[in-house]
């Protein structure tokens, strides 16, 4: 039962992404610019997060600690912006299922490498045939979605 909540949370988090994509696509269509939808998504999300930080009484004094992180950590925001913009641009062209099938496949391939080498402090999980089979099944699923 202890693992059930995090697993459910992960499924729900994954489930909201296609909904977010559809909403962002509609916003982008309304102004004829998908990148505006990405900007609006991050702006509204940032407002929501700052409100959340105030609600939980976040200690903003701890922000001085960010001076100690490597500069590369800040690229996460650019990666997030790239991801959201790509989803908004690709969803109308490929469809929601194919777009997210390909995204999940890419995530799994890179995740295997991150796990194999323990990049960025990730726990090491060696690539084995079972993990490779899982990725192969994802790729097979993407092929089926693309074909039908």
N, C-alpha and C. Protein backbone atom coordinates (compact mmCIF):
# COMPACT_ATOMS: atom_id res chain seq x y z
N UNK A 1 0.82 -1.20 0.00
CA UNK A 1 0.00 0.00 0.00
C UNK A 1 0.86 1.26 0.00
N UNK A 2 2.05 1.16 0.62
CA UNK A 2 2.95 2.30 0.70
C UNK A 2 3.36 2.79 -0.68
N UNK A 3 3.55 1.86 -1.61
CA UNK A 3 3.95 2.20 -2.97
C UNK A 3 2.77 2.61 -3.84
N UNK A 4 1.55 2.29 -3.43
CA UNK A 4 0.38 2.56 -4.26
C UNK A 4 0.18 4.05 -4.52
N UNK A 5 0.30 4.86 -3.50
CA UNK A 5 0.07 6.31 -3.65
C UNK A 5 1.05 6.94 -4.63
N UNK A 6 2.37 6.69 -4.49
CA UNK A 6 3.29 7.27 -5.49
C UNK A 6 3.03 6.75 -6.91
N UNK A 7 2.67 5.47 -7.03
CA UNK A 7 2.37 4.92 -8.35
C UNK A 7 1.13 5.58 -8.95
N UNK A 8 0.12 5.74 -8.14
CA UNK A 8 -1.10 6.41 -8.60
C UNK A 8 -0.83 7.86 -8.96
N UNK A 9 -0.03 8.53 -8.14
CA UNK A 9 0.34 9.92 -8.40
C UNK A 9 1.05 10.04 -9.75
N UNK A 10 1.95 9.10 -10.05
CA UNK A 10 2.68 9.10 -11.32
C UNK A 10 1.72 8.91 -12.49
N UNK A 11 0.77 8.01 -12.35
CA UNK A 11 -0.20 7.77 -13.42
C UNK A 11 -1.07 9.01 -13.64
N UNK A 12 -1.51 9.63 -12.55
CA UNK A 12 -2.32 10.85 -12.67
C UNK A 12 -1.50 11.96 -13.32
N UNK A 13 -0.24 12.11 -12.90
CA UNK A 13 0.63 13.14 -13.49
C UNK A 13 0.78 12.90 -14.99
N UNK A 14 0.97 11.67 -15.38
CA UNK A 14 1.06 11.34 -16.80
C UNK A 14 -0.26 11.58 -17.52
N UNK A 15 -1.35 11.32 -16.83
CA UNK A 15 -2.67 11.48 -17.43
C UNK A 15 -3.05 12.93 -17.70
N UNK A 16 -2.52 13.85 -16.92
CA UNK A 16 -2.89 15.25 -17.15
C UNK A 16 -2.14 15.85 -18.34
N UNK A 17 -1.03 15.24 -18.76
CA UNK A 17 -0.25 15.82 -19.85
C UNK A 17 -1.01 15.89 -21.17
N UNK A 18 -1.72 14.84 -21.60
CA UNK A 18 -2.49 14.98 -22.84
C UNK A 18 -3.61 16.03 -22.72
N UNK A 19 -4.17 16.17 -21.53
CA UNK A 19 -5.20 17.20 -21.32
C UNK A 19 -4.56 18.58 -21.43
N UNK A 20 -3.40 18.75 -20.77
CA UNK A 20 -2.68 20.02 -20.87
C UNK A 20 -2.34 20.32 -22.32
N UNK A 21 -1.89 19.32 -23.05
CA UNK A 21 -1.53 19.52 -24.46
C UNK A 21 -2.73 20.00 -25.26
N UNK A 22 -3.86 19.37 -25.07
CA UNK A 22 -5.07 19.76 -25.81
C UNK A 22 -5.48 21.18 -25.48
N UNK A 23 -5.44 21.52 -24.22
CA UNK A 23 -5.79 22.89 -23.81
C UNK A 23 -4.82 23.91 -24.39
N UNK A 24 -3.52 23.59 -24.34
CA UNK A 24 -2.52 24.50 -24.89
C UNK A 24 -2.64 24.63 -26.40
N UNK A 25 -2.96 23.55 -27.09
CA UNK A 25 -3.16 23.62 -28.54
C UNK A 25 -4.29 24.58 -28.86
N UNK A 26 -5.39 24.48 -28.12
CA UNK A 26 -6.52 25.38 -28.34
C UNK A 26 -6.13 26.84 -28.10
N UNK A 27 -5.36 27.07 -27.04
CA UNK A 27 -4.91 28.43 -26.75
C UNK A 27 -4.01 28.94 -27.88
N UNK A 28 -3.10 28.11 -28.34
CA UNK A 28 -2.21 28.49 -29.44
C UNK A 28 -2.98 28.79 -30.71
N UNK A 29 -4.01 28.00 -31.00
CA UNK A 29 -4.84 28.24 -32.19
C UNK A 29 -5.55 29.58 -32.09
N UNK A 30 -5.98 29.94 -30.89
CA UNK A 30 -6.76 31.17 -30.73
C UNK A 30 -5.96 32.41 -31.09
N UNK A 31 -4.65 32.36 -30.92
CA UNK A 31 -3.80 33.51 -31.26
C UNK A 31 -2.87 33.21 -32.44
N UNK A 32 -3.06 32.04 -33.05
CA UNK A 32 -2.27 31.62 -34.22
C UNK A 32 -0.78 31.54 -33.90
N UNK A 33 -0.45 31.17 -32.67
CA UNK A 33 0.96 31.07 -32.28
C UNK A 33 1.12 30.06 -31.14
N UNK A 34 1.59 28.84 -31.45
CA UNK A 34 1.73 27.83 -30.40
C UNK A 34 2.71 28.22 -29.30
N UNK A 35 3.73 28.99 -29.62
CA UNK A 35 4.71 29.36 -28.60
C UNK A 35 4.08 30.28 -27.55
N UNK A 36 3.09 31.09 -27.95
CA UNK A 36 2.38 31.89 -26.95
C UNK A 36 1.70 30.98 -25.94
N UNK A 37 1.13 29.88 -26.42
CA UNK A 37 0.47 28.95 -25.50
C UNK A 37 1.47 28.37 -24.50
N UNK A 38 2.67 28.07 -24.96
CA UNK A 38 3.71 27.57 -24.05
C UNK A 38 4.05 28.64 -23.02
N UNK A 39 4.21 29.89 -23.47
CA UNK A 39 4.49 31.00 -22.56
C UNK A 39 3.37 31.15 -21.53
N UNK A 40 2.13 31.15 -22.01
CA UNK A 40 0.99 31.30 -21.11
C UNK A 40 0.93 30.15 -20.10
N UNK A 41 1.23 28.95 -20.56
CA UNK A 41 1.22 27.79 -19.68
C UNK A 41 2.24 27.96 -18.55
N UNK A 42 3.45 28.41 -18.90
CA UNK A 42 4.47 28.61 -17.88
C UNK A 42 4.13 29.79 -16.97
N UNK A 43 3.55 30.84 -17.52
CA UNK A 43 3.18 32.00 -16.71
C UNK A 43 2.12 31.62 -15.68
N UNK A 44 1.05 30.99 -16.13
CA UNK A 44 -0.02 30.58 -15.21
C UNK A 44 0.50 29.54 -14.22
N UNK A 45 1.32 28.61 -14.71
CA UNK A 45 1.91 27.61 -13.82
C UNK A 45 2.81 28.26 -12.77
N UNK A 46 3.57 29.27 -13.16
CA UNK A 46 4.45 29.97 -12.21
C UNK A 46 3.64 30.70 -11.15
N UNK A 47 2.55 31.32 -11.57
CA UNK A 47 1.68 32.00 -10.60
C UNK A 47 1.11 30.98 -9.62
N UNK A 48 0.67 29.85 -10.15
CA UNK A 48 0.14 28.80 -9.26
C UNK A 48 1.18 28.29 -8.29
N UNK A 49 2.41 28.12 -8.76
CA UNK A 49 3.47 27.62 -7.88
C UNK A 49 3.87 28.64 -6.82
N UNK A 50 3.91 29.92 -7.17
CA UNK A 50 4.27 30.93 -6.17
C UNK A 50 3.18 31.00 -5.10
N UNK A 51 1.93 30.89 -5.52
CA UNK A 51 0.83 30.86 -4.54
C UNK A 51 0.97 29.65 -3.62
N UNK A 52 1.30 28.51 -4.20
CA UNK A 52 1.49 27.29 -3.41
C UNK A 52 2.62 27.48 -2.40
N UNK A 53 3.72 28.09 -2.82
CA UNK A 53 4.84 28.33 -1.89
C UNK A 53 4.41 29.21 -0.72
N UNK A 54 3.57 30.20 -0.98
CA UNK A 54 3.06 31.03 0.11
C UNK A 54 2.12 30.23 1.02
N UNK A 55 1.30 29.40 0.44
CA UNK A 55 0.35 28.58 1.22
C UNK A 55 1.09 27.65 2.17
N UNK A 56 2.18 27.04 1.68
CA UNK A 56 2.92 26.10 2.55
C UNK A 56 3.95 26.81 3.42
N UNK A 57 3.96 28.15 3.33
CA UNK A 57 4.87 28.96 4.14
C UNK A 57 6.34 28.60 3.87
N UNK A 58 6.68 28.55 2.59
CA UNK A 58 8.05 28.27 2.17
C UNK A 58 8.99 29.32 2.73
N UNK A 59 10.14 28.88 3.20
CA UNK A 59 11.15 29.78 3.74
C UNK A 59 11.98 30.33 2.59
N UNK A 60 11.61 31.51 2.11
CA UNK A 60 12.29 32.11 0.97
C UNK A 60 13.75 32.47 1.28
N UNK A 61 14.12 32.50 2.55
CA UNK A 61 15.51 32.76 2.93
C UNK A 61 16.44 31.65 2.42
N UNK A 62 15.89 30.46 2.22
CA UNK A 62 16.72 29.35 1.74
C UNK A 62 17.13 29.53 0.27
N UNK A 63 16.58 30.54 -0.40
CA UNK A 63 16.93 30.78 -1.80
C UNK A 63 18.41 31.13 -1.97
N UNK A 64 19.05 31.57 -0.91
CA UNK A 64 20.49 31.86 -1.01
C UNK A 64 21.28 30.59 -1.34
N UNK A 65 20.71 29.44 -1.03
CA UNK A 65 21.38 28.16 -1.30
C UNK A 65 21.54 27.89 -2.79
N UNK A 66 20.71 28.51 -3.63
CA UNK A 66 20.79 28.22 -5.07
C UNK A 66 22.09 28.73 -5.68
N UNK A 67 22.79 29.59 -4.98
CA UNK A 67 24.08 30.06 -5.48
C UNK A 67 25.09 28.92 -5.56
N UNK A 68 24.83 27.85 -4.84
CA UNK A 68 25.77 26.74 -4.78
C UNK A 68 25.53 25.69 -5.87
N UNK A 69 24.44 25.77 -6.59
CA UNK A 69 24.17 24.76 -7.61
C UNK A 69 24.91 25.10 -8.90
N UNK A 70 25.26 24.07 -9.63
CA UNK A 70 25.96 24.25 -10.90
C UNK A 70 25.05 24.97 -11.89
N UNK A 71 25.63 25.80 -12.75
CA UNK A 71 24.85 26.58 -13.70
C UNK A 71 23.95 25.72 -14.58
N UNK A 72 24.37 24.49 -14.84
CA UNK A 72 23.60 23.62 -15.73
C UNK A 72 22.23 23.27 -15.18
N UNK A 73 22.09 23.35 -13.86
CA UNK A 73 20.79 23.05 -13.24
C UNK A 73 19.71 23.99 -13.77
N UNK A 74 20.09 25.21 -14.08
CA UNK A 74 19.12 26.20 -14.56
C UNK A 74 18.59 25.88 -15.96
N UNK A 75 19.27 25.01 -16.68
CA UNK A 75 18.79 24.66 -18.02
C UNK A 75 17.51 23.82 -17.97
N UNK A 76 17.15 23.33 -16.80
CA UNK A 76 15.92 22.56 -16.67
C UNK A 76 14.71 23.36 -17.14
N UNK A 77 14.70 24.65 -16.87
CA UNK A 77 13.60 25.50 -17.33
C UNK A 77 13.52 25.55 -18.85
N UNK A 78 14.68 25.63 -19.50
CA UNK A 78 14.69 25.62 -20.97
C UNK A 78 14.23 24.28 -21.52
N UNK A 79 14.64 23.20 -20.85
CA UNK A 79 14.20 21.87 -21.28
C UNK A 79 12.68 21.74 -21.13
N UNK A 80 12.14 22.27 -20.04
CA UNK A 80 10.69 22.24 -19.84
C UNK A 80 9.98 23.05 -20.91
N UNK A 81 10.52 24.22 -21.24
CA UNK A 81 9.91 25.07 -22.27
C UNK A 81 9.96 24.37 -23.63
N UNK A 82 11.09 23.74 -23.93
CA UNK A 82 11.19 22.98 -25.18
C UNK A 82 10.15 21.88 -25.23
N UNK A 83 10.01 21.14 -24.13
CA UNK A 83 9.05 20.03 -24.07
C UNK A 83 7.62 20.53 -24.31
N UNK A 84 7.21 21.55 -23.58
CA UNK A 84 5.84 22.06 -23.71
C UNK A 84 5.60 22.59 -25.12
N UNK A 85 6.55 23.35 -25.65
CA UNK A 85 6.39 23.89 -27.00
C UNK A 85 6.33 22.76 -28.03
N UNK A 86 7.18 21.75 -27.87
CA UNK A 86 7.16 20.62 -28.81
C UNK A 86 5.82 19.90 -28.78
N UNK A 87 5.28 19.68 -27.59
CA UNK A 87 3.98 19.01 -27.47
C UNK A 87 2.89 19.83 -28.16
N UNK A 88 2.91 21.14 -27.96
CA UNK A 88 1.89 21.99 -28.56
C UNK A 88 2.00 21.98 -30.08
N UNK A 89 3.22 21.96 -30.60
CA UNK A 89 3.42 21.95 -32.05
C UNK A 89 3.11 20.57 -32.65
N UNK A 90 3.51 19.50 -31.97
CA UNK A 90 3.38 18.16 -32.52
C UNK A 90 1.98 17.55 -32.41
N UNK A 91 1.26 17.87 -31.34
CA UNK A 91 -0.04 17.24 -31.11
C UNK A 91 -1.00 17.42 -32.28
N UNK A 92 -1.16 18.63 -32.83
CA UNK A 92 -2.07 18.74 -33.98
C UNK A 92 -1.56 18.02 -35.24
N UNK A 93 -0.26 17.84 -35.36
CA UNK A 93 0.31 17.19 -36.55
C UNK A 93 0.28 15.67 -36.45
N UNK A 94 0.57 15.14 -35.26
CA UNK A 94 0.70 13.70 -35.09
C UNK A 94 -0.49 13.06 -34.37
N UNK A 95 -1.26 13.85 -33.68
CA UNK A 95 -2.32 13.32 -32.82
C UNK A 95 -1.78 13.13 -31.42
N UNK A 96 -2.67 13.13 -30.46
CA UNK A 96 -2.27 13.04 -29.06
C UNK A 96 -1.61 11.71 -28.72
N UNK A 97 -2.22 10.60 -29.17
CA UNK A 97 -1.68 9.28 -28.80
C UNK A 97 -0.29 9.06 -29.37
N UNK A 98 -0.09 9.40 -30.64
CA UNK A 98 1.23 9.18 -31.24
C UNK A 98 2.27 10.12 -30.62
N UNK A 99 1.89 11.39 -30.42
CA UNK A 99 2.82 12.33 -29.80
C UNK A 99 3.30 11.82 -28.45
N UNK A 100 2.37 11.43 -27.60
CA UNK A 100 2.77 10.98 -26.27
C UNK A 100 3.40 9.59 -26.28
N UNK A 101 3.03 8.76 -27.24
CA UNK A 101 3.70 7.47 -27.38
C UNK A 101 5.18 7.66 -27.69
N UNK A 102 5.46 8.59 -28.62
CA UNK A 102 6.85 8.89 -28.96
C UNK A 102 7.58 9.56 -27.81
N UNK A 103 6.89 10.44 -27.10
CA UNK A 103 7.50 11.11 -25.95
C UNK A 103 7.86 10.10 -24.86
N UNK A 104 6.95 9.21 -24.57
CA UNK A 104 7.22 8.20 -23.54
C UNK A 104 8.36 7.29 -23.98
N UNK A 105 8.41 6.95 -25.27
CA UNK A 105 9.51 6.13 -25.78
C UNK A 105 10.85 6.85 -25.59
N UNK A 106 10.89 8.12 -25.95
CA UNK A 106 12.11 8.91 -25.73
C UNK A 106 12.48 8.99 -24.27
N UNK A 107 11.48 9.17 -23.42
CA UNK A 107 11.74 9.23 -21.98
C UNK A 107 12.33 7.92 -21.48
N UNK A 108 11.79 6.81 -21.94
CA UNK A 108 12.28 5.52 -21.48
C UNK A 108 13.71 5.25 -21.96
N UNK A 109 14.00 5.60 -23.21
CA UNK A 109 15.35 5.38 -23.73
C UNK A 109 16.38 6.17 -22.93
N UNK A 110 16.11 7.44 -22.70
CA UNK A 110 17.05 8.27 -21.93
C UNK A 110 17.08 7.83 -20.47
N UNK A 111 15.93 7.43 -19.94
CA UNK A 111 15.88 6.95 -18.55
C UNK A 111 16.74 5.72 -18.34
N UNK A 112 16.76 4.83 -19.33
CA UNK A 112 17.63 3.65 -19.22
C UNK A 112 19.09 4.07 -19.11
N UNK A 113 19.50 5.03 -19.90
CA UNK A 113 20.89 5.50 -19.86
C UNK A 113 21.18 6.18 -18.51
N UNK A 114 20.26 7.03 -18.06
CA UNK A 114 20.44 7.71 -16.76
C UNK A 114 20.56 6.68 -15.65
N UNK A 115 19.67 5.68 -15.66
CA UNK A 115 19.71 4.63 -14.63
C UNK A 115 20.98 3.80 -14.72
N UNK A 116 21.39 3.46 -15.93
CA UNK A 116 22.58 2.61 -16.12
C UNK A 116 23.83 3.24 -15.50
N UNK A 117 23.99 4.54 -15.71
CA UNK A 117 25.20 5.21 -15.26
C UNK A 117 25.01 6.04 -14.00
N UNK A 118 23.81 6.11 -13.48
CA UNK A 118 23.55 6.87 -12.26
C UNK A 118 23.78 8.36 -12.45
N UNK A 119 23.49 8.87 -13.65
CA UNK A 119 23.68 10.30 -13.92
C UNK A 119 22.89 11.15 -12.94
N UNK A 120 23.47 12.27 -12.57
CA UNK A 120 22.83 13.29 -11.73
C UNK A 120 22.32 12.71 -10.41
N UNK A 121 23.03 11.72 -9.90
CA UNK A 121 22.68 11.16 -8.59
C UNK A 121 21.56 10.14 -8.62
N UNK A 122 21.11 9.75 -9.80
CA UNK A 122 20.05 8.74 -9.89
C UNK A 122 20.58 7.40 -9.38
N UNK A 123 19.72 6.62 -8.72
CA UNK A 123 20.17 5.28 -8.32
C UNK A 123 20.48 4.44 -9.56
N UNK A 124 21.50 3.63 -9.47
CA UNK A 124 21.91 2.79 -10.61
C UNK A 124 20.98 1.58 -10.71
N UNK A 125 20.45 1.41 -11.92
CA UNK A 125 19.67 0.23 -12.28
C UNK A 125 20.21 -0.23 -13.63
N UNK A 126 20.88 -1.34 -13.62
CA UNK A 126 21.57 -1.83 -14.81
C UNK A 126 20.57 -2.17 -15.91
N UNK A 127 20.96 -1.83 -17.15
CA UNK A 127 20.14 -2.23 -18.31
C UNK A 127 20.22 -3.74 -18.43
N UNK A 128 19.08 -4.38 -18.54
CA UNK A 128 19.02 -5.82 -18.72
C UNK A 128 17.99 -6.14 -19.81
N UNK A 129 17.85 -7.40 -20.12
CA UNK A 129 16.96 -7.77 -21.22
C UNK A 129 15.51 -7.43 -20.91
N UNK A 130 15.11 -7.50 -19.64
CA UNK A 130 13.73 -7.19 -19.28
C UNK A 130 13.42 -5.71 -19.52
N UNK A 131 14.36 -4.85 -19.17
CA UNK A 131 14.18 -3.41 -19.39
C UNK A 131 14.17 -3.10 -20.89
N UNK A 132 15.05 -3.74 -21.63
CA UNK A 132 15.09 -3.55 -23.07
C UNK A 132 13.80 -4.06 -23.72
N UNK A 133 13.28 -5.16 -23.21
CA UNK A 133 12.00 -5.67 -23.72
C UNK A 133 10.88 -4.67 -23.47
N UNK A 134 10.90 -4.04 -22.30
CA UNK A 134 9.90 -3.02 -21.99
C UNK A 134 9.94 -1.88 -22.99
N UNK A 135 11.14 -1.41 -23.32
CA UNK A 135 11.28 -0.34 -24.31
C UNK A 135 10.84 -0.83 -25.69
N UNK A 136 11.21 -2.07 -26.04
CA UNK A 136 10.80 -2.63 -27.33
C UNK A 136 9.27 -2.69 -27.43
N UNK A 137 8.62 -3.05 -26.34
CA UNK A 137 7.15 -3.09 -26.34
C UNK A 137 6.57 -1.69 -26.50
N UNK A 138 7.20 -0.69 -25.89
CA UNK A 138 6.76 0.69 -26.08
C UNK A 138 6.89 1.09 -27.55
N UNK A 139 8.01 0.74 -28.15
CA UNK A 139 8.23 1.07 -29.57
C UNK A 139 7.21 0.34 -30.43
N UNK A 140 6.93 -0.91 -30.10
CA UNK A 140 5.90 -1.66 -30.84
C UNK A 140 4.55 -0.97 -30.70
N UNK A 141 4.25 -0.48 -29.51
CA UNK A 141 2.99 0.25 -29.30
C UNK A 141 2.92 1.51 -30.13
N UNK A 142 4.03 2.24 -30.22
CA UNK A 142 4.07 3.45 -31.05
C UNK A 142 3.84 3.10 -32.51
N UNK A 143 4.46 2.01 -32.96
CA UNK A 143 4.27 1.57 -34.35
C UNK A 143 2.81 1.24 -34.62
N UNK A 144 2.17 0.54 -33.69
CA UNK A 144 0.76 0.21 -33.85
C UNK A 144 -0.12 1.46 -33.87
N UNK A 145 0.18 2.40 -32.98
CA UNK A 145 -0.60 3.64 -32.95
C UNK A 145 -0.41 4.40 -34.26
N UNK A 146 0.80 4.44 -34.77
CA UNK A 146 1.09 5.16 -36.02
C UNK A 146 0.38 4.49 -37.19
N UNK A 147 0.37 3.16 -37.20
CA UNK A 147 -0.20 2.42 -38.32
C UNK A 147 -1.72 2.47 -38.34
N UNK A 148 -2.32 2.49 -37.17
CA UNK A 148 -3.78 2.45 -37.11
C UNK A 148 -4.32 3.70 -36.48
